[in-house]
């Protein structure tokens, strides 16, 4: 085993239990050949007028006033 692998092994052994899961996900992501596919169903769901982003502050202000 290389020196770096031995050091990594030693450091992992010293980790508190609550830090093991995030590190495990990170390492698994490095060794898996298939890229992680994320399911993001909300992408592309919003349809709006072309100037929606430009008017967003105005729209929020109007909505805020209506909720009072």
PDB file of N, CA and C in Angstrom:
ATOM      1  N   UNK A   1       0.855  -1.177   0.000  1.00  0.00           N
ATOM      2  CA  UNK A   1       0.000   0.000   0.000  1.00  0.00           C
ATOM      3  C   UNK A   1       0.897   1.235   0.000  1.00  0.00           C
ATOM      4  N   UNK A   2       0.518   2.249  -0.791  1.00  0.00           N
ATOM      5  CA  UNK A   2       1.323   3.466  -0.865  1.00  0.00           C
ATOM      6  C   UNK A   2       1.217   4.260   0.436  1.00  0.00           C
ATOM      7  N   UNK A   3       2.152   5.164   0.620  1.00  0.00           N
ATOM      8  CA  UNK A   3       2.175   6.007   1.816  1.00  0.00           C
ATOM      9  C   UNK A   3       0.913   6.864   1.889  1.00  0.00           C
ATOM     10  N   UNK A   4       0.475   7.384   0.746  1.00  0.00           N
ATOM     11  CA  UNK A   4      -0.727   8.218   0.746  1.00  0.00           C
ATOM     12  C   UNK A   4      -1.969   7.410   1.120  1.00  0.00           C
ATOM     13  N   UNK A   5      -2.063   6.172   0.635  1.00  0.00           N
ATOM     14  CA  UNK A   5      -3.206   5.327   0.994  1.00  0.00           C
ATOM     15  C   UNK A   5      -3.189   4.989   2.482  1.00  0.00           C
ATOM     16  N   UNK A   6      -2.020   4.737   3.012  1.00  0.00           N
ATOM     17  CA  UNK A   6      -1.909   4.447   4.446  1.00  0.00           C
ATOM     18  C   UNK A   6      -2.335   5.661   5.268  1.00  0.00           C
ATOM     19  N   UNK A   7      -1.911   6.838   4.841  1.00  0.00           N
ATOM     20  CA  UNK A   7      -2.305   8.047   5.560  1.00  0.00           C
ATOM     21  C   UNK A   7      -3.814   8.256   5.482  1.00  0.00           C
ATOM     22  N   UNK A   8      -4.387   8.060   4.293  1.00  0.00           N
ATOM     23  CA  UNK A   8      -5.830   8.202   4.130  1.00  0.00           C
ATOM     24  C   UNK A   8      -6.570   7.233   5.040  1.00  0.00           C
ATOM     25  N   UNK A   9      -6.113   5.986   5.054  1.00  0.00           N
ATOM     26  CA  UNK A   9      -6.730   4.968   5.901  1.00  0.00           C
ATOM     27  C   UNK A   9      -6.669   5.387   7.369  1.00  0.00           C
ATOM     28  N   UNK A  10      -5.524   5.881   7.796  1.00  0.00           N
ATOM     29  CA  UNK A  10      -5.340   6.317   9.180  1.00  0.00           C
ATOM     30  C   UNK A  10      -6.278   7.485   9.514  1.00  0.00           C
ATOM     31  N   UNK A  11      -6.383   8.446   8.611  1.00  0.00           N
ATOM     32  CA  UNK A  11      -7.239   9.607   8.849  1.00  0.00           C
ATOM     33  C   UNK A  11      -8.715   9.216   8.909  1.00  0.00           C
ATOM     34  N   UNK A  12      -9.119   8.306   8.044  1.00  0.00           N
ATOM     35  CA  UNK A  12     -10.510   7.845   8.046  1.00  0.00           C
ATOM     36  C   UNK A  12     -10.832   7.162   9.368  1.00  0.00           C
ATOM     37  N   UNK A  13      -9.926   6.397   9.874  1.00  0.00           N
ATOM     38  CA  UNK A  13     -10.138   5.721  11.159  1.00  0.00           C
ATOM     39  C   UNK A  13     -10.345   6.718  12.294  1.00  0.00           C
ATOM     40  N   UNK A  14      -9.778   7.908  12.183  1.00  0.00           N
ATOM     41  CA  UNK A  14      -9.879   8.915  13.242  1.00  0.00           C
ATOM     42  C   UNK A  14     -11.128   9.790  13.115  1.00  0.00           C
ATOM     43  N   UNK A  15     -11.843   9.689  12.018  1.00  0.00           N
ATOM     44  CA  UNK A  15     -13.016  10.536  11.810  1.00  0.00           C
ATOM     45  C   UNK A  15     -14.122  10.243  12.818  1.00  0.00           C
ATOM     46  N   UNK A  16     -14.811  11.292  13.270  1.00  0.00           N
ATOM     47  CA  UNK A  16     -16.008  11.061  14.085  1.00  0.00           C
ATOM     48  C   UNK A  16     -17.081  10.419  13.198  1.00  0.00           C
ATOM     49  N   UNK A  17     -17.921   9.614  13.783  1.00  0.00           N
ATOM     50  CA  UNK A  17     -18.910   8.840  13.026  1.00  0.00           C
ATOM     51  C   UNK A  17     -19.800   9.710  12.138  1.00  0.00           C
ATOM     52  N   UNK A  18     -20.176  10.899  12.613  1.00  0.00           N
ATOM     53  CA  UNK A  18     -21.081  11.743  11.832  1.00  0.00           C
ATOM     54  C   UNK A  18     -20.447  12.305  10.556  1.00  0.00           C
ATOM     55  N   UNK A  19     -19.133  12.214  10.438  1.00  0.00           N
ATOM     56  CA  UNK A  19     -18.463  12.703   9.227  1.00  0.00           C
ATOM     57  C   UNK A  19     -18.153  11.590   8.233  1.00  0.00           C
ATOM     58  N   UNK A  20     -18.452  10.369   8.604  1.00  0.00           N
ATOM     59  CA  UNK A  20     -18.133   9.235   7.731  1.00  0.00           C
ATOM     60  C   UNK A  20     -19.037   9.210   6.493  1.00  0.00           C
ATOM     61  N   UNK A  21     -20.345   9.386   6.662  1.00  0.00           N
ATOM     62  CA  UNK A  21     -21.283   9.287   5.539  1.00  0.00           C
ATOM     63  C   UNK A  21     -20.977  10.282   4.419  1.00  0.00           C
ATOM     64  N   UNK A  22     -20.759  11.581   4.720  1.00  0.00           N
ATOM     65  CA  UNK A  22     -20.444  12.508   3.627  1.00  0.00           C
ATOM     66  C   UNK A  22     -19.147  12.144   2.901  1.00  0.00           C
ATOM     67  N   UNK A  23     -18.160  11.698   3.644  1.00  0.00           N
ATOM     68  CA  UNK A  23     -16.900  11.307   3.024  1.00  0.00           C
ATOM     69  C   UNK A  23     -17.085  10.058   2.173  1.00  0.00           C
ATOM     70  N   UNK A  24     -17.871   9.131   2.650  1.00  0.00           N
ATOM     71  CA  UNK A  24     -18.147   7.912   1.897  1.00  0.00           C
ATOM     72  C   UNK A  24     -18.812   8.240   0.559  1.00  0.00           C
ATOM     73  N   UNK A  25     -19.775   9.168   0.570  1.00  0.00           N
ATOM     74  CA  UNK A  25     -20.424   9.583  -0.693  1.00  0.00           C
ATOM     75  C   UNK A  25     -19.403  10.194  -1.649  1.00  0.00           C
ATOM     76  N   UNK A  26     -18.523  11.010  -1.123  1.00  0.00           N
ATOM     77  CA  UNK A  26     -17.495  11.645  -1.943  1.00  0.00           C
ATOM     78  C   UNK A  26     -16.580  10.612  -2.578  1.00  0.00           C
ATOM     79  N   UNK A  27     -16.123   9.660  -1.789  1.00  0.00           N
ATOM     80  CA  UNK A  27     -15.210   8.630  -2.297  1.00  0.00           C
ATOM     81  C   UNK A  27     -15.920   7.734  -3.298  1.00  0.00           C
ATOM     82  N   UNK A  28     -17.144   7.345  -3.002  1.00  0.00           N
ATOM     83  CA  UNK A  28     -17.899   6.516  -3.954  1.00  0.00           C
ATOM     84  C   UNK A  28     -18.049   7.228  -5.293  1.00  0.00           C
ATOM     85  N   UNK A  29     -18.276   8.529  -5.241  1.00  0.00           N
ATOM     86  CA  UNK A  29     -18.410   9.307  -6.464  1.00  0.00           C
ATOM     87  C   UNK A  29     -17.138   9.322  -7.291  1.00  0.00           C
ATOM     88  N   UNK A  30     -16.014   9.161  -6.639  1.00  0.00           N
ATOM     89  CA  UNK A  30     -14.734   9.157  -7.338  1.00  0.00           C
ATOM     90  C   UNK A  30     -14.415   7.813  -7.986  1.00  0.00           C
ATOM     91  N   UNK A  31     -14.945   6.724  -7.444  1.00  0.00           N
ATOM     92  CA  UNK A  31     -14.588   5.407  -7.973  1.00  0.00           C
ATOM     93  C   UNK A  31     -15.638   4.809  -8.889  1.00  0.00           C
ATOM     94  N   UNK A  32     -16.860   5.335  -8.849  1.00  0.00           N
ATOM     95  CA  UNK A  32     -17.901   4.802  -9.716  1.00  0.00           C
ATOM     96  C   UNK A  32     -17.679   5.284 -11.145  1.00  0.00           C
ATOM     97  N   UNK A  33     -17.883   4.389 -12.085  1.00  0.00           N
ATOM     98  CA  UNK A  33     -17.671   4.725 -13.488  1.00  0.00           C
ATOM     99  C   UNK A  33     -18.859   5.482 -14.068  1.00  0.00           C
ATOM    100  N   UNK A  34     -20.060   5.187 -13.606  1.00  0.00           N
ATOM    101  CA  UNK A  34     -21.254   5.841 -14.126  1.00  0.00           C
ATOM    102  C   UNK A  34     -21.424   7.198 -13.446  1.00  0.00           C
ATOM    103  N   UNK A  35     -21.681   8.249 -14.217  1.00  0.00           N
ATOM    104  CA  UNK A  35     -21.928   9.542 -13.591  1.00  0.00           C
ATOM    105  C   UNK A  35     -23.235   9.513 -12.788  1.00  0.00           C
ATOM    106  N   UNK A  36     -23.281  10.296 -11.753  1.00  0.00           N
ATOM    107  CA  UNK A  36     -24.470  10.375 -10.925  1.00  0.00           C
ATOM    108  C   UNK A  36     -25.542  11.136 -11.698  1.00  0.00           C
ATOM    109  N   UNK A  37     -26.715  10.545 -11.805  1.00  0.00           N
ATOM    110  CA  UNK A  37     -27.830  11.189 -12.486  1.00  0.00           C
ATOM    111  C   UNK A  37     -28.749  11.761 -11.428  1.00  0.00           C
ATOM    112  N   UNK A  38     -28.960  13.038 -11.520  1.00  0.00           N
ATOM    113  CA  UNK A  38     -29.840  13.678 -10.548  1.00  0.00           C
ATOM    114  C   UNK A  38     -31.205  13.890 -11.169  1.00  0.00           C
ATOM    115  N   UNK A  39     -32.221  13.587 -10.410  1.00  0.00           N
ATOM    116  CA  UNK A  39     -33.586  13.782 -10.860  1.00  0.00           C
ATOM    117  C   UNK A  39     -34.036  15.160 -10.405  1.00  0.00           C
ATOM    118  N   UNK A  40     -34.134  16.081 -11.345  1.00  0.00           N
ATOM    119  CA  UNK A  40     -34.538  17.446 -11.041  1.00  0.00           C
ATOM    120  C   UNK A  40     -35.820  17.758 -11.809  1.00  0.00           C
ATOM    121  N   UNK A  41     -36.962  17.268 -11.313  1.00  0.00           N
ATOM    122  CA  UNK A  41     -38.201  17.390 -12.068  1.00  0.00           C
ATOM    123  C   UNK A  41     -38.705  18.815 -12.225  1.00  0.00           C
ATOM    124  N   UNK A  42     -38.211  19.739 -11.413  1.00  0.00           N
ATOM    125  CA  UNK A  42     -38.707  21.108 -11.491  1.00  0.00           C
ATOM    126  C   UNK A  42     -38.059  21.913 -12.615  1.00  0.00           C
ATOM    127  N   UNK A  43     -36.994  21.417 -13.193  1.00  0.00           N
ATOM    128  CA  UNK A  43     -36.314  22.141 -14.268  1.00  0.00           C
ATOM    129  C   UNK A  43     -37.251  22.269 -15.468  1.00  0.00           C
ATOM    130  N   UNK A  44     -37.383  23.456 -15.973  1.00  0.00           N
ATOM    131  CA  UNK A  44     -38.189  23.690 -17.157  1.00  0.00           C
ATOM    132  C   UNK A  44     -39.679  23.772 -16.912  1.00  0.00           C
ATOM    133  N   UNK A  45     -40.106  23.779 -15.671  1.00  0.00           N
ATOM    134  CA  UNK A  45     -41.540  23.807 -15.383  1.00  0.00           C
ATOM    135  C   UNK A  45     -42.118  25.219 -15.463  1.00  0.00           C
ATOM    136  N   UNK A  46     -41.276  26.214 -15.322  1.00  0.00           N
ATOM    137  CA  UNK A  46     -41.762  27.579 -15.296  1.00  0.00           C
ATOM    138  C   UNK A  46     -41.807  28.148 -16.705  1.00  0.00           C
ATOM    139  N   UNK A  47     -42.967  28.611 -17.082  1.00  0.00           N
ATOM    140  CA  UNK A  47     -43.110  29.310 -18.350  1.00  0.00           C
ATOM    141  C   UNK A  47     -43.579  30.714 -18.030  1.00  0.00           C
ATOM    142  N   UNK A  48     -42.946  31.701 -18.622  1.00  0.00           N
ATOM    143  CA  UNK A  48     -43.304  33.082 -18.317  1.00  0.00           C
ATOM    144  C   UNK A  48     -43.022  33.964 -19.516  1.00  0.00           C
ATOM    145  N   UNK A  49     -43.498  35.181 -19.395  1.00  0.00           N
ATOM    146  CA  UNK A  49     -43.240  36.175 -20.436  1.00  0.00           C
ATOM    147  C   UNK A  49     -41.742  36.468 -20.495  1.00  0.00           C
ATOM    148  N   UNK A  50     -41.255  36.937 -21.638  1.00  0.00           N
ATOM    149  CA  UNK A  50     -39.815  37.206 -21.795  1.00  0.00           C
ATOM    150  C   UNK A  50     -39.258  38.186 -20.771  1.00  0.00           C
ATOM    151  N   UNK A  51     -40.068  39.129 -20.291  1.00  0.00           N
ATOM    152  CA  UNK A  51     -39.551  40.123 -19.355  1.00  0.00           C
ATOM    153  C   UNK A  51     -39.808  39.754 -17.892  1.00  0.00           C
ATOM    154  N   UNK A  52     -40.179  38.515 -17.632  1.00  0.00           N
ATOM    155  CA  UNK A  52     -40.520  38.078 -16.276  1.00  0.00           C
ATOM    156  C   UNK A  52     -39.386  38.346 -15.290  1.00  0.00           C
ATOM    157  N   UNK A  53     -38.169  38.000 -15.658  1.00  0.00           N
ATOM    158  CA  UNK A  53     -37.030  38.206 -14.746  1.00  0.00           C
ATOM    159  C   UNK A  53     -36.821  39.686 -14.471  1.00  0.00           C
ATOM    160  N   UNK A  54     -36.989  40.506 -15.498  1.00  0.00           N
ATOM    161  CA  UNK A  54     -36.804  41.942 -15.331  1.00  0.00           C
ATOM    162  C   UNK A  54     -37.886  42.532 -14.419  1.00  0.00           C
ATOM    163  N   UNK A  55     -39.093  41.974 -14.486  1.00  0.00           N
ATOM    164  CA  UNK A  55     -40.217  42.499 -13.707  1.00  0.00           C
ATOM    165  C   UNK A  55     -40.391  41.798 -12.369  1.00  0.00           C
ATOM    166  N   UNK A  56     -39.512  40.898 -12.015  1.00  0.00           N
ATOM    167  CA  UNK A  56     -39.719  40.061 -10.828  1.00  0.00           C
ATOM    168  C   UNK A  56     -39.879  40.872  -9.545  1.00  0.00           C
ATOM    169  N   UNK A  57     -39.080  41.923  -9.355  1.00  0.00           N
ATOM    170  CA  UNK A  57     -39.210  42.730  -8.138  1.00  0.00           C
ATOM    171  C   UNK A  57     -40.570  43.405  -8.082  1.00  0.00           C
ATOM    172  N   UNK A  58     -41.016  43.933  -9.214  1.00  0.00           N
ATOM    173  CA  UNK A  58     -42.334  44.575  -9.268  1.00  0.00           C
ATOM    174  C   UNK A  58     -43.447  43.564  -8.968  1.00  0.00           C
ATOM    175  N   UNK A  59     -43.338  42.388  -9.550  1.00  0.00           N
ATOM    176  CA  UNK A  59     -44.342  41.335  -9.343  1.00  0.00           C
ATOM    177  C   UNK A  59     -44.393  40.944  -7.875  1.00  0.00           C
ATOM    178  N   UNK A  60     -43.247  40.750  -7.248  1.00  0.00           N
ATOM    179  CA  UNK A  60     -43.204  40.385  -5.829  1.00  0.00           C
ATOM    180  C   UNK A  60     -43.772  41.489  -4.951  1.00  0.00           C
ATOM    181  N   UNK A  61     -43.471  42.728  -5.291  1.00  0.00           N
ATOM    182  CA  UNK A  61     -43.981  43.867  -4.497  1.00  0.00           C
ATOM    183  C   UNK A  61     -45.520  43.911  -4.586  1.00  0.00           C
ATOM    184  N   UNK A  62     -46.071  43.746  -5.759  1.00  0.00           N
ATOM    185  CA  UNK A  62     -47.516  43.744  -5.947  1.00  0.00           C
ATOM    186  C   UNK A  62     -48.147  42.588  -5.164  1.00  0.00           C
ATOM    187  N   UNK A  63     -47.561  41.398  -5.268  1.00  0.00           N
ATOM    188  CA  UNK A  63     -48.076  40.238  -4.547  1.00  0.00           C
ATOM    189  C   UNK A  63     -48.008  40.455  -3.043  1.00  0.00           C
ATOM    190  N   UNK A  64     -46.932  41.075  -2.588  1.00  0.00           N
ATOM    191  CA  UNK A  64     -46.786  41.367  -1.162  1.00  0.00           C
ATOM    192  C   UNK A  64     -47.888  42.292  -0.689  1.00  0.00           C
ATOM    193  N   UNK A  65     -48.215  43.297  -1.476  1.00  0.00           N
ATOM    194  CA  UNK A  65     -49.267  44.255  -1.114  1.00  0.00           C
ATOM    195  C   UNK A  65     -50.632  43.596  -1.088  1.00  0.00           C
ATOM    196  N   UNK A  66     -50.865  42.624  -1.966  1.00  0.00           N
ATOM    197  CA  UNK A  66     -52.145  41.933  -1.997  1.00  0.00           C
ATOM    198  C   UNK A  66     -52.339  41.028  -0.781  1.00  0.00           C
ATOM    199  N   UNK A  67     -51.251  40.546  -0.234  1.00  0.00           N
ATOM    200  CA  UNK A  67     -51.376  39.610   0.883  1.00  0.00           C
ATOM    201  C   UNK A  67     -51.614  40.331   2.214  1.00  0.00           C
ATOM    202  N   UNK A  68     -51.488  41.653   2.213  1.00  0.00           N
ATOM    203  CA  UNK A  68     -51.700  42.417   3.465  1.00  0.00           C
ATOM    204  C   UNK A  68     -53.112  42.520   3.788  1.00  0.00           C
TER     205      UNK A  68
END
